[in-house]
Amino acid sequence: MITALKIFFSVLFIWMCYQVINTSIHSNLFKEWDFLGSIPWMRATLWDFYANVTVIFLWVCYKEKSVLLSIVWLILLVVLGSIASCAYVLIQLFKLKQGEGLKELLSKQNG
């Protein structure tokens, strides 16, 4: 199961990096912000994004003992979104010891 999750989150990480880079090459968010901000679904998507960042950040705060590291992850989550989320999960997956599973992934605090 852990190997499958490593593959899944690696593919998702790569896919999201590709999507963000490709979109950035073809479209300037800062030039289109006024238009995008006027779309109700875009505003709802941003609220949804920040709600998800909050949920993931609470998990990060539980997992990490360092407040500084938690703040760094908050910045990364806000700036990079799902790229940072996937990276964090991948880091946690690769920190697991042989024989550890989902329970440890979700509940084991970093030391």
C-alpha atoms as a PDB file:
ATOM      1  CA  MET A   1       0.000   0.000   0.000  1.00  0.00           C
ATOM      2  CA  ILE A   2       2.781   2.455   0.893  1.00  0.00           C
ATOM      3  CA  THR A   3       4.571   1.788  -2.403  1.00  0.00           C
ATOM      4  CA  ALA A   4       1.348   2.473  -4.310  1.00  0.00           C
ATOM      5  CA  LEU A   5       0.913   5.744  -2.406  1.00  0.00           C
ATOM      6  CA  LYS A   6       4.503   6.764  -3.200  1.00  0.00           C
ATOM      7  CA  ILE A   7       3.851   6.130  -6.895  1.00  0.00           C
ATOM      8  CA  PHE A   8       0.472   7.880  -6.814  1.00  0.00           C
ATOM      9  CA  PHE A   9       1.746  11.014  -5.047  1.00  0.00           C
ATOM     10  CA  SER A  10       4.887  11.118  -7.224  1.00  0.00           C
ATOM     11  CA  VAL A  11       2.770  11.043 -10.390  1.00  0.00           C
ATOM     12  CA  LEU A  12       0.397  13.639  -8.945  1.00  0.00           C
ATOM     13  CA  PHE A  13       3.339  15.864  -7.938  1.00  0.00           C
ATOM     14  CA  ILE A  14       4.879  15.660 -11.417  1.00  0.00           C
ATOM     15  CA  TRP A  15       1.491  16.234 -13.098  1.00  0.00           C
ATOM     16  CA  MET A  16       0.772  19.332 -11.002  1.00  0.00           C
ATOM     17  CA  CYS A  17       4.259  20.732 -11.637  1.00  0.00           C
ATOM     18  CA  TYR A  18       3.697  20.231 -15.365  1.00  0.00           C
ATOM     19  CA  GLN A  19       0.249  21.867 -15.225  1.00  0.00           C
ATOM     20  CA  VAL A  20       1.454  24.906 -13.289  1.00  0.00           C
ATOM     21  CA  ILE A  21       4.545  25.420 -15.465  1.00  0.00           C
ATOM     22  CA  ASN A  22       2.630  24.898 -18.709  1.00  0.00           C
ATOM     23  CA  THR A  23      -0.169  27.243 -17.639  1.00  0.00           C
ATOM     24  CA  SER A  24       2.347  29.852 -16.463  1.00  0.00           C
ATOM     25  CA  ILE A  25       4.057  29.782 -19.853  1.00  0.00           C
ATOM     26  CA  HIS A  26       0.773  30.340 -21.702  1.00  0.00           C
ATOM     27  CA  SER A  27      -1.066  32.629 -19.300  1.00  0.00           C
ATOM     28  CA  ASN A  28       0.038  35.371 -16.908  1.00  0.00           C
ATOM     29  CA  LEU A  29      -2.036  35.143 -13.728  1.00  0.00           C
ATOM     30  CA  PHE A  30      -1.189  38.713 -12.736  1.00  0.00           C
ATOM     31  CA  LYS A  31      -2.439  40.125 -16.056  1.00  0.00           C
ATOM     32  CA  GLU A  32      -5.676  38.099 -15.867  1.00  0.00           C
ATOM     33  CA  TRP A  33      -6.356  38.514 -12.148  1.00  0.00           C
ATOM     34  CA  ASP A  34      -9.034  41.217 -12.481  1.00  0.00           C
ATOM     35  CA  PHE A  35     -10.982  39.089 -14.934  1.00  0.00           C
ATOM     36  CA  LEU A  36     -10.539  35.881 -12.951  1.00  0.00           C
ATOM     37  CA  GLY A  37     -11.454  37.577  -9.674  1.00  0.00           C
ATOM     38  CA  SER A  38     -14.752  38.668 -11.176  1.00  0.00           C
ATOM     39  CA  ILE A  39     -15.851  35.063 -11.810  1.00  0.00           C
ATOM     40  CA  PRO A  40     -17.910  33.690  -8.871  1.00  0.00           C
ATOM     41  CA  TRP A  41     -16.564  30.164  -9.388  1.00  0.00           C
ATOM     42  CA  MET A  42     -13.006  31.461  -9.206  1.00  0.00           C
ATOM     43  CA  ARG A  43     -13.731  33.095  -5.846  1.00  0.00           C
ATOM     44  CA  ALA A  44     -15.385  29.874  -4.624  1.00  0.00           C
ATOM     45  CA  THR A  45     -12.354  27.897  -5.822  1.00  0.00           C
ATOM     46  CA  LEU A  46     -10.026  30.182  -3.876  1.00  0.00           C
ATOM     47  CA  TRP A  47     -12.118  29.768  -0.699  1.00  0.00           C
ATOM     48  CA  ASP A  48     -12.046  26.007  -1.273  1.00  0.00           C
ATOM     49  CA  PHE A  49      -8.275  26.107  -1.760  1.00  0.00           C
ATOM     50  CA  TYR A  50      -7.661  27.991   1.477  1.00  0.00           C
ATOM     51  CA  ALA A  51     -10.021  25.710   3.402  1.00  0.00           C
ATOM     52  CA  ASN A  52      -7.965  22.746   2.156  1.00  0.00           C
ATOM     53  CA  VAL A  53      -4.714  24.519   3.050  1.00  0.00           C
ATOM     54  CA  THR A  54      -6.070  24.979   6.580  1.00  0.00           C
ATOM     55  CA  VAL A  55      -6.895  21.279   6.936  1.00  0.00           C
ATOM     56  CA  ILE A  56      -3.506  20.180   5.615  1.00  0.00           C
ATOM     57  CA  PHE A  57      -1.702  22.789   7.705  1.00  0.00           C
ATOM     58  CA  LEU A  58      -3.364  21.503  10.887  1.00  0.00           C
ATOM     59  CA  TRP A  59      -2.032  18.029  10.045  1.00  0.00           C
ATOM     60  CA  VAL A  60       1.421  19.530   9.407  1.00  0.00           C
ATOM     61  CA  CYS A  61       1.277  21.284  12.808  1.00  0.00           C
ATOM     62  CA  TYR A  62       0.432  17.955  14.446  1.00  0.00           C
ATOM     63  CA  LYS A  63       3.215  16.098  12.618  1.00  0.00           C
ATOM     64  CA  GLU A  64       5.973  18.690  13.024  1.00  0.00           C
ATOM     65  CA  LYS A  65       7.479  19.566  16.379  1.00  0.00           C
ATOM     66  CA  SER A  66       9.183  22.676  15.009  1.00  0.00           C
ATOM     67  CA  VAL A  67       7.019  25.806  14.826  1.00  0.00           C
ATOM     68  CA  LEU A  68       9.450  27.304  12.306  1.00  0.00           C
ATOM     69  CA  LEU A  69       9.150  24.272  10.042  1.00  0.00           C
ATOM     70  CA  SER A  70       5.358  24.421  10.328  1.00  0.00           C
ATOM     71  CA  ILE A  71       5.416  28.083   9.254  1.00  0.00           C
ATOM     72  CA  VAL A  72       7.668  27.250   6.297  1.00  0.00           C
ATOM     73  CA  TRP A  73       5.190  24.548   5.242  1.00  0.00           C
ATOM     74  CA  LEU A  74       2.292  26.996   5.594  1.00  0.00           C
ATOM     75  CA  ILE A  75       4.029  29.398   3.215  1.00  0.00           C
ATOM     76  CA  LEU A  76       4.762  26.574   0.786  1.00  0.00           C
ATOM     77  CA  LEU A  77       1.151  25.336   0.948  1.00  0.00           C
ATOM     78  CA  VAL A  78      -0.231  28.813   0.247  1.00  0.00           C
ATOM     79  CA  VAL A  79       2.239  29.569  -2.554  1.00  0.00           C
ATOM     80  CA  LEU A  80       2.486  26.154  -4.220  1.00  0.00           C
ATOM     81  CA  GLY A  81      -0.856  24.548  -3.318  1.00  0.00           C
ATOM     82  CA  SER A  82      -1.137  20.900  -4.263  1.00  0.00           C
ATOM     83  CA  ILE A  83       2.511  20.763  -5.316  1.00  0.00           C
ATOM     84  CA  ALA A  84       3.507  21.436  -1.695  1.00  0.00           C
ATOM     85  CA  SER A  85       0.791  19.088  -0.398  1.00  0.00           C
ATOM     86  CA  CYS A  86       2.085  16.248  -2.550  1.00  0.00           C
ATOM     87  CA  ALA A  87       5.681  17.023  -1.572  1.00  0.00           C
ATOM     88  CA  TYR A  88       4.800  16.948   2.128  1.00  0.00           C
ATOM     89  CA  VAL A  89       2.966  13.625   1.810  1.00  0.00           C
ATOM     90  CA  LEU A  90       5.845  12.163  -0.213  1.00  0.00           C
ATOM     91  CA  ILE A  91       8.365  13.255   2.417  1.00  0.00           C
ATOM     92  CA  GLN A  92       6.220  11.628   5.114  1.00  0.00           C
ATOM     93  CA  LEU A  93       5.874   8.439   3.048  1.00  0.00           C
ATOM     94  CA  PHE A  94       9.632   8.172   2.546  1.00  0.00           C
ATOM     95  CA  LYS A  95      10.240   8.735   6.275  1.00  0.00           C
ATOM     96  CA  LEU A  96       8.251   5.608   7.143  1.00  0.00           C
ATOM     97  CA  LYS A  97      10.273   2.656   8.363  1.00  0.00           C
ATOM     98  CA  GLN A  98       9.903  -0.845   6.978  1.00  0.00           C
ATOM     99  CA  GLY A  99       6.595  -2.306   8.121  1.00  0.00           C
ATOM    100  CA  GLU A 100       4.963   1.021   8.957  1.00  0.00           C
ATOM    101  CA  GLY A 101       1.720   1.850   7.192  1.00  0.00           C
ATOM    102  CA  LEU A 102      -1.135   4.323   6.941  1.00  0.00           C
ATOM    103  CA  LYS A 103      -1.606   4.514  10.696  1.00  0.00           C
ATOM    104  CA  GLU A 104       1.956   5.701  11.177  1.00  0.00           C
ATOM    105  CA  LEU A 105       1.743   7.978   8.126  1.00  0.00           C
ATOM    106  CA  LEU A 106      -1.222   9.811   9.560  1.00  0.00           C
ATOM    107  CA  SER A 107      -0.483   9.690  13.274  1.00  0.00           C
ATOM    108  CA  LYS A 108       3.265   9.389  13.898  1.00  0.00           C
ATOM    109  CA  GLN A 109       4.807  12.719  14.847  1.00  0.00           C
ATOM    110  CA  ASN A 110       8.159  13.689  13.369  1.00  0.00           C
ATOM    111  CA  GLY A 111      11.010  13.617  15.804  1.00  0.00           C
END
